[in-house]
Protein backbone atom coordinates (compact mmCIF):
# COMPACT_ATOMS: atom_id res chain seq x y z
CA MET A 1 0.00 0.00 0.00
CA LYS A 2 2.85 2.32 0.88
CA TYR A 3 4.46 1.75 -2.54
CA LEU A 4 1.18 2.37 -4.33
CA VAL A 5 0.77 5.77 -2.65
CA SER A 6 4.38 6.64 -3.53
CA LEU A 7 3.83 5.57 -7.14
CA ILE A 8 0.65 7.65 -7.42
CA CYS A 9 2.42 10.69 -5.94
CA LEU A 10 5.30 10.28 -8.38
CA PHE A 11 2.89 9.97 -11.32
CA LEU A 12 0.97 13.09 -10.25
CA PHE A 13 4.23 15.02 -9.79
CA LEU A 14 5.36 14.09 -13.30
CA ALA A 15 1.94 14.96 -14.71
CA VAL A 16 2.06 18.43 -13.12
CA ILE A 17 5.54 19.03 -14.53
CA PHE A 18 4.35 17.88 -17.98
CA LEU A 19 1.33 20.19 -17.89
CA ASP A 20 3.44 23.12 -16.69
CA GLN A 21 6.13 22.67 -19.36
CA ASN A 22 3.61 22.37 -22.22
CA SER A 23 1.18 25.13 -21.32
CA THR A 24 1.92 27.36 -24.33
CA PRO A 25 -1.14 27.98 -26.50
CA VAL A 26 -0.95 26.63 -30.04
CA PRO A 27 -3.19 28.15 -32.71
CA MET A 28 -5.40 25.39 -34.05
CA LYS A 29 -8.16 25.71 -36.62
CA ILE A 30 -10.77 22.97 -36.34
CA ILE A 31 -12.38 22.39 -39.75
CA ILE A 32 -13.64 25.97 -40.31
CA GLY A 33 -13.45 29.28 -38.51
CA ASN A 34 -10.73 31.22 -36.79
CA PRO A 35 -7.77 29.53 -35.08
CA HIS A 36 -8.17 29.10 -31.34
CA GLY A 37 -5.32 28.92 -28.86
CA ILE A 38 -5.34 25.41 -27.40
CA ARG A 39 -2.72 24.29 -24.87
CA LEU A 40 -0.07 21.98 -26.25
CA SER A 41 -0.45 19.58 -23.31
CA LEU A 42 -4.16 19.16 -24.07
CA ILE A 43 -3.41 18.39 -27.72
CA ILE A 44 -0.80 15.79 -26.71
CA ILE A 45 -3.09 14.10 -24.15
CA VAL A 46 -6.07 13.98 -26.54
CA SER A 47 -3.85 12.58 -29.31
CA MET A 48 -2.55 9.88 -26.95
CA LEU A 49 -6.10 8.93 -25.88
CA ILE A 50 -7.30 8.72 -29.50
CA GLY A 51 -4.30 6.55 -30.40
CA MET A 52 -4.92 4.31 -27.40
CA LEU A 53 -8.59 3.85 -28.32
CA LEU A 54 -7.70 3.05 -31.93
CA ALA A 55 -5.08 0.51 -30.82
CA ILE A 56 -7.51 -1.20 -28.42
CA GLY A 57 -10.20 -1.27 -31.12
CA GLY A 58 -7.74 -2.79 -33.60
CA MET A 59 -6.65 -5.45 -31.12
CA LEU A 60 -10.26 -6.38 -30.36
CA LEU A 61 -11.07 -6.55 -34.07
CA ILE A 62 -8.06 -8.80 -34.75
CA LYS A 63 -9.01 -11.06 -31.83
CA LYS A 64 -12.59 -11.30 -33.10
CA VAL A 65 -11.43 -12.23 -36.60
CA GLN A 66 -9.01 -14.84 -35.24
CA THR A 67 -11.66 -16.51 -33.09
CA LYS A 68 -14.08 -16.48 -36.02
CA ASN A 69 -11.52 -18.14 -38.29
CA LYS A 70 -10.79 -20.88 -35.73
CA SER A 71 -14.40 -22.01 -35.58
């Protein structure tokens, strides 16, 4: 339990440093309209989440196809 709390504290510390270092606004135009200043850290985190969801979806699809081919 003690190690888990230490690990969580370390993760939160690193997350705060990451958010602080990447807080500069980046002009980003979404489809149409004027560019809005979005924080770089938010862009990185959203990109990582989208990539993670696509990877999980791909793995599930491959597993489904493999089980279908076995039967």
